[in-house]
Amino acid sequence: IEIDSVQVIDHAEVPINPIKPNKTLNLAIAGVLGIMLGVFLVF
């Protein structure tokens, strides 16, 4: 593009915590789906 105006503000650093999987969210979704499936099986 012949533009020399891009500058790095923050260099990447080694992350400590993973972004995936979201264990808490997964357990919550599984719990809700489990209740829904259980109610469906009862009916």
ModelCIF file with pLDDT and N, C-alpha, C, O atoms, coordinates in Angstrom:
data_MODEL
#
_entry.id   MODEL 
#
_entity.id                         1 
_entity.type                       polymer 
_entity.pdbx_number_of_molecules   1 
#
_entity_poly.entity_id                      1 
_entity_poly.type                           'polypeptide(L)' 
_entity_poly.nstd_linkage                   no 
_entity_poly.nstd_monomer                   no 
_entity_poly.pdbx_seq_one_letter_code       IEIDSVQVIDHAEVPINPIKPNKTLNLAIAGVLGIMLGVFLVF 
_entity_poly.pdbx_seq_one_letter_code_can   IEIDSVQVIDHAEVPINPIKPNKTLNLAIAGVLGIMLGVFLVF 
_entity_poly.pdbx_strand_id                 A 
#
loop_
_entity_poly_seq.entity_id 
_entity_poly_seq.num 
_entity_poly_seq.mon_id 
_entity_poly_seq.hetero 
1 1  ILE n 
1 2  GLU n 
1 3  ILE n 
1 4  ASP n 
1 5  SER n 
1 6  VAL n 
1 7  GLN n 
1 8  VAL n 
1 9  ILE n 
1 10 ASP n 
1 11 HIS n 
1 12 ALA n 
1 13 GLU n 
1 14 VAL n 
1 15 PRO n 
1 16 ILE n 
1 17 ASN n 
1 18 PRO n 
1 19 ILE n 
1 20 LYS n 
1 21 PRO n 
1 22 ASN n 
1 23 LYS n 
1 24 THR n 
1 25 LEU n 
1 26 ASN n 
1 27 LEU n 
1 28 ALA n 
1 29 ILE n 
1 30 ALA n 
1 31 GLY n 
1 32 VAL n 
1 33 LEU n 
1 34 GLY n 
1 35 ILE n 
1 36 MET n 
1 37 LEU n 
1 38 GLY n 
1 39 VAL n 
1 40 PHE n 
1 41 LEU n 
1 42 VAL n 
1 43 PHE n 
#
_struct_asym.id          A 
_struct_asym.entity_id   1 
#
loop_
_ma_qa_metric.id 
_ma_qa_metric.mode 
_ma_qa_metric.name 
_ma_qa_metric.software_group_id 
_ma_qa_metric.type 
1 global pLDDT . pLDDT 
2 local  pLDDT . pLDDT 
#
_ma_qa_metric_global.metric_id      1 
_ma_qa_metric_global.metric_value   89.56 
_ma_qa_metric_global.model_id       1 
_ma_qa_metric_global.ordinal_id     1 
#
loop_
_ma_qa_metric_local.label_asym_id 
_ma_qa_metric_local.label_comp_id 
_ma_qa_metric_local.label_seq_id 
_ma_qa_metric_local.metric_id 
_ma_qa_metric_local.metric_value 
_ma_qa_metric_local.model_id 
_ma_qa_metric_local.ordinal_id 
A ILE 1  2 69.00 1 1  
A GLU 2  2 68.00 1 2  
A ILE 3  2 65.00 1 3  
A ASP 4  2 72.00 1 4  
A SER 5  2 72.00 1 5  
A VAL 6  2 79.00 1 6  
A GLN 7  2 86.00 1 7  
A VAL 8  2 89.00 1 8  
A ILE 9  2 90.00 1 9  
A ASP 10 2 91.00 1 10 
A HIS 11 2 93.00 1 11 
A ALA 12 2 92.00 1 12 
A GLU 13 2 93.00 1 13 
A VAL 14 2 94.00 1 14 
A PRO 15 2 93.00 1 15 
A ILE 16 2 92.00 1 16 
A ASN 17 2 91.00 1 17 
A PRO 18 2 92.00 1 18 
A ILE 19 2 91.00 1 19 
A LYS 20 2 89.00 1 20 
A PRO 21 2 90.00 1 21 
A ASN 22 2 90.00 1 22 
A LYS 23 2 91.00 1 23 
A THR 24 2 92.00 1 24 
A LEU 25 2 93.00 1 25 
A ASN 26 2 94.00 1 26 
A LEU 27 2 95.00 1 27 
A ALA 28 2 96.00 1 28 
A ILE 29 2 96.00 1 29 
A ALA 30 2 95.00 1 30 
A GLY 31 2 95.00 1 31 
A VAL 32 2 96.00 1 32 
A LEU 33 2 96.00 1 33 
A GLY 34 2 95.00 1 34 
A ILE 35 2 95.00 1 35 
A MET 36 2 95.00 1 36 
A LEU 37 2 96.00 1 37 
A GLY 38 2 94.00 1 38 
A VAL 39 2 93.00 1 39 
A PHE 40 2 93.00 1 40 
A LEU 41 2 93.00 1 41 
A VAL 42 2 90.00 1 42 
A PHE 43 2 87.00 1 43 
#
loop_
_atom_site.group_PDB 
_atom_site.id 
_atom_site.type_symbol 
_atom_site.label_atom_id 
_atom_site.label_alt_id 
_atom_site.label_comp_id 
_atom_site.label_asym_id 
_atom_site.label_entity_id 
_atom_site.label_seq_id 
_atom_site.pdbx_PDB_ins_code 
_atom_site.Cartn_x 
_atom_site.Cartn_y 
_atom_site.Cartn_z 
_atom_site.occupancy 
_atom_site.B_iso_or_equiv 
_atom_site.pdbx_formal_charge 
_atom_site.auth_seq_id 
_atom_site.auth_comp_id 
_atom_site.auth_asym_id 
_atom_site.auth_atom_id 
_atom_site.pdbx_PDB_model_num 
ATOM 1   N N  . ILE A 1 1  ? 0.827   -1.208  0.000  1.00 69.00 ? 1  ILE A N  1 
ATOM 2   C CA . ILE A 1 1  ? 0.000   0.000   0.000  1.00 69.00 ? 1  ILE A CA 1 
ATOM 3   C C  . ILE A 1 1  ? 0.864   1.263   0.000  1.00 69.00 ? 1  ILE A C  1 
ATOM 4   O O  . ILE A 1 1  ? 0.380   2.368   -0.247 1.00 69.00 ? 1  ILE A O  1 
ATOM 5   N N  . GLU A 1 2  ? 2.161   1.070   0.285  1.00 68.00 ? 2  GLU A N  1 
ATOM 6   C CA . GLU A 1 2  ? 3.119   2.167   0.333  1.00 68.00 ? 2  GLU A CA 1 
ATOM 7   C C  . GLU A 1 2  ? 2.744   3.179   1.410  1.00 68.00 ? 2  GLU A C  1 
ATOM 8   O O  . GLU A 1 2  ? 2.855   4.390   1.223  1.00 68.00 ? 2  GLU A O  1 
ATOM 9   N N  . ILE A 1 3  ? 2.302   2.650   2.529  1.00 65.00 ? 3  ILE A N  1 
ATOM 10  C CA . ILE A 1 3  ? 1.977   3.504   3.673  1.00 65.00 ? 3  ILE A CA 1 
ATOM 11  C C  . ILE A 1 3  ? 2.785   3.006   4.859  1.00 65.00 ? 3  ILE A C  1 
ATOM 12  O O  . ILE A 1 3  ? 2.703   1.839   5.241  1.00 65.00 ? 3  ILE A O  1 
ATOM 13  N N  . ASP A 1 4  ? 3.560   3.904   5.431  1.00 72.00 ? 4  ASP A N  1 
ATOM 14  C CA . ASP A 1 4  ? 4.425   3.532   6.539  1.00 72.00 ? 4  ASP A CA 1 
ATOM 15  C C  . ASP A 1 4  ? 3.934   4.220   7.815  1.00 72.00 ? 4  ASP A C  1 
ATOM 16  O O  . ASP A 1 4  ? 4.644   5.007   8.440  1.00 72.00 ? 4  ASP A O  1 
ATOM 17  N N  . SER A 1 5  ? 2.667   3.884   8.182  1.00 72.00 ? 5  SER A N  1 
ATOM 18  C CA . SER A 1 5  ? 2.075   4.570   9.336  1.00 72.00 ? 5  SER A CA 1 
ATOM 19  C C  . SER A 1 5  ? 1.530   3.610   10.368 1.00 72.00 ? 5  SER A C  1 
ATOM 20  O O  . SER A 1 5  ? 0.839   4.046   11.289 1.00 72.00 ? 5  SER A O  1 
ATOM 21  N N  . VAL A 1 6  ? 1.809   2.307   10.257 1.00 79.00 ? 6  VAL A N  1 
ATOM 22  C CA . VAL A 1 6  ? 1.310   1.317   11.197 1.00 79.00 ? 6  VAL A CA 1 
ATOM 23  C C  . VAL A 1 6  ? 2.344   1.108   12.295 1.00 79.00 ? 6  VAL A C  1 
ATOM 24  O O  . VAL A 1 6  ? 3.511   0.834   12.015 1.00 79.00 ? 6  VAL A O  1 
ATOM 25  N N  . GLN A 1 7  ? 1.912   1.239   13.546 1.00 86.00 ? 7  GLN A N  1 
ATOM 26  C CA . GLN A 1 7  ? 2.816   1.089   14.673 1.00 86.00 ? 7  GLN A CA 1 
ATOM 27  C C  . GLN A 1 7  ? 2.240   0.111   15.689 1.00 86.00 ? 7  GLN A C  1 
ATOM 28  O O  . GLN A 1 7  ? 1.030   0.042   15.903 1.00 86.00 ? 7  GLN A O  1 
ATOM 29  N N  . VAL A 1 8  ? 3.130   -0.628  16.299 1.00 89.00 ? 8  VAL A N  1 
ATOM 30  C CA . VAL A 1 8  ? 2.722   -1.576  17.344 1.00 89.00 ? 8  VAL A CA 1 
ATOM 31  C C  . VAL A 1 8  ? 2.591   -0.826  18.658 1.00 89.00 ? 8  VAL A C  1 
ATOM 32  O O  . VAL A 1 8  ? 3.533   -0.172  19.105 1.00 89.00 ? 8  VAL A O  1 
ATOM 33  N N  . ILE A 1 9  ? 1.413   -0.924  19.277 1.00 90.00 ? 9  ILE A N  1 
ATOM 34  C CA . ILE A 1 9  ? 1.170   -0.268  20.556 1.00 90.00 ? 9  ILE A CA 1 
ATOM 35  C C  . ILE A 1 9  ? 1.508   -1.219  21.705 1.00 90.00 ? 9  ILE A C  1 
ATOM 36  O O  . ILE A 1 9  ? 2.234   -0.854  22.630 1.00 90.00 ? 9  ILE A O  1 
ATOM 37  N N  . ASP A 1 10 ? 0.982   -2.428  21.639 1.00 91.00 ? 10 ASP A N  1 
ATOM 38  C CA . ASP A 1 10 ? 1.255   -3.450  22.655 1.00 91.00 ? 10 ASP A CA 1 
ATOM 39  C C  . ASP A 1 10 ? 1.700   -4.729  21.969 1.00 91.00 ? 10 ASP A C  1 
ATOM 40  O O  . ASP A 1 10 ? 0.992   -5.281  21.127 1.00 91.00 ? 10 ASP A O  1 
ATOM 41  N N  . HIS A 1 11 ? 2.875   -5.183  22.338 1.00 93.00 ? 11 HIS A N  1 
ATOM 42  C CA . HIS A 1 11 ? 3.333   -6.464  21.813 1.00 93.00 ? 11 HIS A CA 1 
ATOM 43  C C  . HIS A 1 11 ? 2.575   -7.603  22.501 1.00 93.00 ? 11 HIS A C  1 
ATOM 44  O O  . HIS A 1 11 ? 2.128   -7.467  23.640 1.00 93.00 ? 11 HIS A O  1 
ATOM 45  N N  . ALA A 1 12 ? 2.440   -8.713  21.801 1.00 92.00 ? 12 ALA A N  1 
ATOM 46  C CA . ALA A 1 12 ? 1.754   -9.877  22.367 1.00 92.00 ? 12 ALA A CA 1 
ATOM 47  C C  . ALA A 1 12 ? 2.557   -10.454 23.520 1.00 92.00 ? 12 ALA A C  1 
ATOM 48  O O  . ALA A 1 12 ? 3.784   -10.535 23.465 1.00 92.00 ? 12 ALA A O  1 
ATOM 49  N N  . GLU A 1 13 ? 1.855   -10.845 24.544 1.00 93.00 ? 13 GLU A N  1 
ATOM 50  C CA . GLU A 1 13 ? 2.471   -11.474 25.708 1.00 93.00 ? 13 GLU A CA 1 
ATOM 51  C C  . GLU A 1 13 ? 1.919   -12.883 25.896 1.00 93.00 ? 13 GLU A C  1 
ATOM 52  O O  . GLU A 1 13 ? 0.832   -13.208 25.419 1.00 93.00 ? 13 GLU A O  1 
ATOM 53  N N  . VAL A 1 14 ? 2.681   -13.708 26.594 1.00 94.00 ? 14 VAL A N  1 
ATOM 54  C CA . VAL A 1 14 ? 2.274   -15.100 26.791 1.00 94.00 ? 14 VAL A CA 1 
ATOM 55  C C  . VAL A 1 14 ? 1.026   -15.143 27.674 1.00 94.00 ? 14 VAL A C  1 
ATOM 56  O O  . VAL A 1 14 ? 1.081   -14.696 28.820 1.00 94.00 ? 14 VAL A O  1 
ATOM 57  N N  . PRO A 1 15 ? -0.089  -15.665 27.178 1.00 93.00 ? 15 PRO A N  1 
ATOM 58  C CA . PRO A 1 15 ? -1.321  -15.730 27.986 1.00 93.00 ? 15 PRO A CA 1 
ATOM 59  C C  . PRO A 1 15 ? -1.207  -16.772 29.093 1.00 93.00 ? 15 PRO A C  1 
ATOM 60  O O  . PRO A 1 15 ? -0.529  -17.790 28.953 1.00 93.00 ? 15 PRO A O  1 
ATOM 61  N N  . ILE A 1 16 ? -1.891  -16.484 30.197 1.00 92.00 ? 16 ILE A N  1 
ATOM 62  C CA . ILE A 1 16 ? -1.873  -17.413 31.336 1.00 92.00 ? 16 ILE A CA 1 
ATOM 63  C C  . ILE A 1 16 ? -3.093  -18.336 31.333 1.00 92.00 ? 16 ILE A C  1 
ATOM 64  O O  . ILE A 1 16 ? -2.977  -19.542 31.550 1.00 92.00 ? 16 ILE A O  1 
ATOM 65  N N  . ASN A 1 17 ? -4.251  -17.750 31.084 1.00 91.00 ? 17 ASN A N  1 
ATOM 66  C CA . ASN A 1 17 ? -5.504  -18.515 31.123 1.00 91.00 ? 17 ASN A CA 1 
ATOM 67  C C  . ASN A 1 17 ? -6.007  -18.798 29.706 1.00 91.00 ? 17 ASN A C  1 
ATOM 68  O O  . ASN A 1 17 ? -5.958  -17.928 28.837 1.00 91.00 ? 17 ASN A O  1 
ATOM 69  N N  . PRO A 1 18 ? -6.486  -20.013 29.484 1.00 92.00 ? 18 PRO A N  1 
ATOM 70  C CA . PRO A 1 18 ? -7.026  -20.338 28.151 1.00 92.00 ? 18 PRO A CA 1 
ATOM 71  C C  . PRO A 1 18 ? -8.377  -19.664 27.924 1.00 92.00 ? 18 PRO A C  1 
ATOM 72  O O  . PRO A 1 18 ? -9.112  -19.384 28.872 1.00 92.00 ? 18 PRO A O  1 
ATOM 73  N N  . ILE A 1 19 ? -8.691  -19.410 26.664 1.00 91.00 ? 19 ILE A N  1 
ATOM 74  C CA . ILE A 1 19 ? -10.004 -18.850 26.315 1.00 91.00 ? 19 ILE A CA 1 
ATOM 75  C C  . ILE A 1 19 ? -11.008 -19.961 25.984 1.00 91.00 ? 19 ILE A C  1 
ATOM 76  O O  . ILE A 1 19 ? -12.217 -19.729 25.990 1.00 91.00 ? 19 ILE A O  1 
ATOM 77  N N  . LYS A 1 20 ? -10.517 -21.135 25.702 1.00 89.00 ? 20 LYS A N  1 
ATOM 78  C CA . LYS A 1 20 ? -11.368 -22.289 25.411 1.00 89.00 ? 20 LYS A CA 1 
ATOM 79  C C  . LYS A 1 20 ? -10.775 -23.508 26.111 1.00 89.00 ? 20 LYS A C  1 
ATOM 80  O O  . LYS A 1 20 ? -9.551  -23.592 26.216 1.00 89.00 ? 20 LYS A O  1 
ATOM 81  N N  . PRO A 1 21 ? -11.580 -24.461 26.597 1.00 90.00 ? 21 PRO A N  1 
ATOM 82  C CA . PRO A 1 21 ? -13.041 -24.333 26.694 1.00 90.00 ? 21 PRO A CA 1 
ATOM 83  C C  . PRO A 1 21 ? -13.444 -23.490 27.911 1.00 90.00 ? 21 PRO A C  1 
ATOM 84  O O  . PRO A 1 21 ? -12.711 -23.401 28.895 1.00 90.00 ? 21 PRO A O  1 
ATOM 85  N N  . ASN A 1 22 ? -14.618 -22.879 27.816 1.00 90.00 ? 22 ASN A N  1 
ATOM 86  C CA . ASN A 1 22 ? -15.195 -22.155 28.953 1.00 90.00 ? 22 ASN A CA 1 
ATOM 87  C C  . ASN A 1 22 ? -15.923 -23.183 29.809 1.00 90.00 ? 22 ASN A C  1 
ATOM 88  O O  . ASN A 1 22 ? -17.091 -23.496 29.576 1.00 90.00 ? 22 ASN A O  1 
ATOM 89  N N  . LYS A 1 23 ? -15.214 -23.696 30.796 1.00 91.00 ? 23 LYS A N  1 
ATOM 90  C CA . LYS A 1 23 ? -15.730 -24.835 31.561 1.00 91.00 ? 23 LYS A CA 1 
ATOM 91  C C  . LYS A 1 23 ? -17.004 -24.484 32.324 1.00 91.00 ? 23 LYS A C  1 
ATOM 92  O O  . LYS A 1 23 ? -17.947 -25.274 32.371 1.00 91.00 ? 23 LYS A O  1 
ATOM 93  N N  . THR A 1 24 ? -17.023 -23.306 32.912 1.00 92.00 ? 24 THR A N  1 
ATOM 94  C CA . THR A 1 24 ? -18.212 -22.902 33.679 1.00 92.00 ? 24 THR A CA 1 
ATOM 95  C C  . THR A 1 24 ? -19.427 -22.794 32.768 1.00 92.00 ? 24 THR A C  1 
ATOM 96  O O  . THR A 1 24 ? -20.511 -23.275 33.096 1.00 92.00 ? 24 THR A O  1 
ATOM 97  N N  . LEU A 1 25 ? -19.227 -22.154 31.615 1.00 93.00 ? 25 LEU A N  1 
ATOM 98  C CA . LEU A 1 25 ? -20.332 -22.014 30.662 1.00 93.00 ? 25 LEU A CA 1 
ATOM 99  C C  . LEU A 1 25 ? -20.785 -23.370 30.145 1.00 93.00 ? 25 LEU A C  1 
ATOM 100 O O  . LEU A 1 25 ? -21.983 -23.620 30.012 1.00 93.00 ? 25 LEU A O  1 
ATOM 101 N N  . ASN A 1 26 ? -19.835 -24.242 29.855 1.00 94.00 ? 26 ASN A N  1 
ATOM 102 C CA . ASN A 1 26 ? -20.190 -25.577 29.370 1.00 94.00 ? 26 ASN A CA 1 
ATOM 103 C C  . ASN A 1 26 ? -21.017 -26.350 30.392 1.00 94.00 ? 26 ASN A C  1 
ATOM 104 O O  . ASN A 1 26 ? -21.996 -27.007 30.040 1.00 94.00 ? 26 ASN A O  1 
ATOM 105 N N  . LEU A 1 27 ? -20.611 -26.266 31.670 1.00 95.00 ? 27 LEU A N  1 
ATOM 106 C CA . LEU A 1 27 ? -21.357 -26.969 32.717 1.00 95.00 ? 27 LEU A CA 1 
ATOM 107 C C  . LEU A 1 27 ? -22.759 -26.382 32.874 1.00 95.00 ? 27 LEU A C  1 
ATOM 108 O O  . LEU A 1 27 ? -23.726 -27.116 33.072 1.00 95.00 ? 27 LEU A O  1 
ATOM 109 N N  . ALA A 1 28 ? -22.863 -25.053 32.783 1.00 96.00 ? 28 ALA A N  1 
ATOM 110 C CA . ALA A 1 28 ? -24.179 -24.413 32.914 1.00 96.00 ? 28 ALA A CA 1 
ATOM 111 C C  . ALA A 1 28 ? -25.101 -24.816 31.764 1.00 96.00 ? 28 ALA A C  1 
ATOM 112 O O  . ALA A 1 28 ? -26.270 -25.140 31.977 1.00 96.00 ? 28 ALA A O  1 
ATOM 113 N N  . ILE A 1 29 ? -24.568 -24.793 30.558 1.00 96.00 ? 29 ILE A N  1 
ATOM 114 C CA . ILE A 1 29 ? -25.378 -25.183 29.394 1.00 96.00 ? 29 ILE A CA 1 
ATOM 115 C C  . ILE A 1 29 ? -25.785 -26.645 29.497 1.00 96.00 ? 29 ILE A C  1 
ATOM 116 O O  . ILE A 1 29 ? -26.930 -27.000 29.217 1.00 96.00 ? 29 ILE A O  1 
ATOM 117 N N  . ALA A 1 30 ? -24.840 -27.495 29.899 1.00 95.00 ? 30 ALA A N  1 
ATOM 118 C CA . ALA A 1 30 ? -25.159 -28.919 30.042 1.00 95.00 ? 30 ALA A CA 1 
ATOM 119 C C  . ALA A 1 30 ? -26.227 -29.132 31.100 1.00 95.00 ? 30 ALA A C  1 
ATOM 120 O O  . ALA A 1 30 ? -27.118 -29.963 30.927 1.00 95.00 ? 30 ALA A O  1 
ATOM 121 N N  . GLY A 1 31 ? -26.140 -28.373 32.214 1.00 95.00 ? 31 GLY A N  1 
ATOM 122 C CA . GLY A 1 31 ? -27.147 -28.507 33.263 1.00 95.00 ? 31 GLY A CA 1 
ATOM 123 C C  . GLY A 1 31 ? -28.531 -28.112 32.781 1.00 95.00 ? 31 GLY A C  1 
ATOM 124 O O  . GLY A 1 31 ? -29.508 -28.813 33.046 1.00 95.00 ? 31 GLY A O  1 
ATOM 125 N N  . VAL A 1 32 ? -28.620 -26.988 32.073 1.00 96.00 ? 32 VAL A N  1 
ATOM 126 C CA . VAL A 1 32 ? -29.919 -26.532 31.553 1.00 96.00 ? 32 VAL A CA 1 
ATOM 127 C C  . VAL A 1 32 ? -30.473 -27.529 30.540 1.00 96.00 ? 32 VAL A C  1 
ATOM 128 O O  . VAL A 1 32 ? -31.650 -27.884 30.588 1.00 96.00 ? 32 VAL A O  1 
ATOM 129 N N  . LEU A 1 33 ? -29.622 -27.974 29.631 1.00 96.00 ? 33 LEU A N  1 
ATOM 130 C CA . LEU A 1 33 ? -30.072 -28.963 28.645 1.00 96.00 ? 33 LEU A CA 1 
ATOM 131 C C  . LEU A 1 33 ? -30.467 -30.274 29.318 1.00 96.00 ? 33 LEU A C  1 
ATOM 132 O O  . LEU A 1 33 ? -31.412 -30.934 28.888 1.00 96.00 ? 33 LEU A O  1 
ATOM 133 N N  . GLY A 1 34 ? -29.741 -30.653 30.378 1.00 95.00 ? 34 GLY A N  1 
ATOM 134 C CA . GLY A 1 34 ? -30.085 -31.877 31.100 1.00 95.00 ? 34 GLY A CA 1 
ATOM 135 C C  . GLY A 1 34 ? -31.449 -31.785 31.746 1.00 95.00 ? 34 GLY A C  1 
ATOM 136 O O  . GLY A 1 34 ? -32.223 -32.741 31.701 1.00 95.00 ? 34 GLY A O  1 
ATOM 137 N N  . ILE A 1 35 ? -31.756 -30.634 32.354 1.00 95.00 ? 35 ILE A N  1 
ATOM 138 C CA . ILE A 1 35 ? -33.068 -30.448 32.965 1.00 95.00 ? 35 ILE A CA 1 
ATOM 139 C C  . ILE A 1 35 ? -34.159 -30.482 31.905 1.00 95.00 ? 35 ILE A C  1 
ATOM 140 O O  . ILE A 1 35 ? -35.195 -31.120 32.092 1.00 95.00 ? 35 ILE A O  1 
ATOM 141 N N  . MET A 1 36 ? -33.928 -29.798 30.798 1.00 95.00 ? 36 MET A N  1 
ATOM 142 C CA . MET A 1 36 ? -34.923 -29.776 29.716 1.00 95.00 ? 36 MET A CA 1 
ATOM 143 C C  . MET A 1 36 ? -35.156 -31.181 29.159 1.00 95.00 ? 36 MET A C  1 
ATOM 144 O O  . MET A 1 36 ? -36.294 -31.584 28.920 1.00 95.00 ? 36 MET A O  1 
ATOM 145 N N  . LEU A 1 37 ? -34.063 -31.916 28.958 1.00 96.00 ? 37 LEU A N  1 
ATOM 146 C CA . LEU A 1 37 ? -34.199 -33.276 28.436 1.00 96.00 ? 37 LEU A CA 1 
ATOM 147 C C  . LEU A 1 37 ? -34.884 -34.176 29.450 1.00 96.00 ? 37 LEU A C  1 
ATOM 148 O O  . LEU A 1 37 ? -35.693 -35.027 29.079 1.00 96.00 ? 37 LEU A O  1 
ATOM 149 N N  . GLY A 1 38 ? -34.563 -33.993 30.741 1.00 94.00 ? 38 GLY A N  1 
ATOM 150 C CA . GLY A 1 38 ? -35.207 -34.797 31.784 1.00 94.00 ? 38 GLY A CA 1 
ATOM 151 C C  . GLY A 1 38 ? -36.703 -34.554 31.834 1.00 94.00 ? 38 GLY A C  1 
ATOM 152 O O  . GLY A 1 38 ? -37.487 -35.498 31.924 1.00 94.00 ? 38 GLY A O  1 
ATOM 153 N N  . VAL A 1 39 ? -37.105 -33.280 31.777 1.00 93.00 ? 39 VAL A N  1 
ATOM 154 C CA . VAL A 1 39 ? -38.533 -32.952 31.774 1.00 93.00 ? 39 VAL A CA 1 
ATOM 155 C C  . VAL A 1 39 ? -39.213 -33.540 30.532 1.00 93.00 ? 39 VAL A C  1 
ATOM 156 O O  . VAL A 1 39 ? -40.324 -34.065 30.607 1.00 93.00 ? 39 VAL A O  1 
ATOM 157 N N  . PHE A 1 40 ? -38.528 -33.442 29.394 1.00 93.00 ? 40 PHE A N  1 
ATOM 158 C CA . PHE A 1 40 ? -39.079 -34.019 28.160 1.00 93.00 ? 40 PHE A CA 1 
ATOM 159 C C  . PHE A 1 40 ? -39.263 -35.529 28.300 1.00 93.00 ? 40 PHE A C  1 
ATOM 160 O O  . PHE A 1 40 ? -40.283 -36.074 27.876 1.00 93.00 ? 40 PHE A O  1 
ATOM 161 N N  . LEU A 1 41 ? -38.282 -36.204 28.894 1.00 93.00 ? 41 LEU A N  1 
ATOM 162 C CA . LEU A 1 41 ? -38.392 -37.658 29.068 1.00 93.00 ? 41 LEU A CA 1 
ATOM 163 C C  . LEU A 1 41 ? -39.537 -38.020 30.016 1.00 93.00 ? 41 LEU A C  1 
ATOM 164 O O  . LEU A 1 41 ? -40.218 -39.025 29.811 1.00 93.00 ? 41 LEU A O  1 
ATOM 165 N N  . VAL A 1 42 ? -39.752 -37.199 31.058 1.00 90.00 ? 42 VAL A N  1 
ATOM 166 C CA . VAL A 1 42 ? -40.860 -37.458 31.977 1.00 90.00 ? 42 VAL A CA 1 
ATOM 167 C C  . VAL A 1 42 ? -42.190 -37.397 31.232 1.00 90.00 ? 42 VAL A C  1 
ATOM 168 O O  . VAL A 1 42 ? -43.036 -38.279 31.377 1.00 90.00 ? 42 VAL A O  1 
ATOM 169 N N  . PHE A 1 43 ? -42.365 -36.339 30.430 1.00 87.00 ? 43 PHE A N  1 
ATOM 170 C CA . PHE A 1 43 ? -43.611 -36.201 29.683 1.00 87.00 ? 43 PHE A CA 1 
ATOM 171 C C  . PHE A 1 43 ? -43.729 -37.277 28.597 1.00 87.00 ? 43 PHE A C  1 
ATOM 172 O O  . PHE A 1 43 ? -44.720 -37.312 27.868 1.00 87.00 ? 43 PHE A O  1 
#
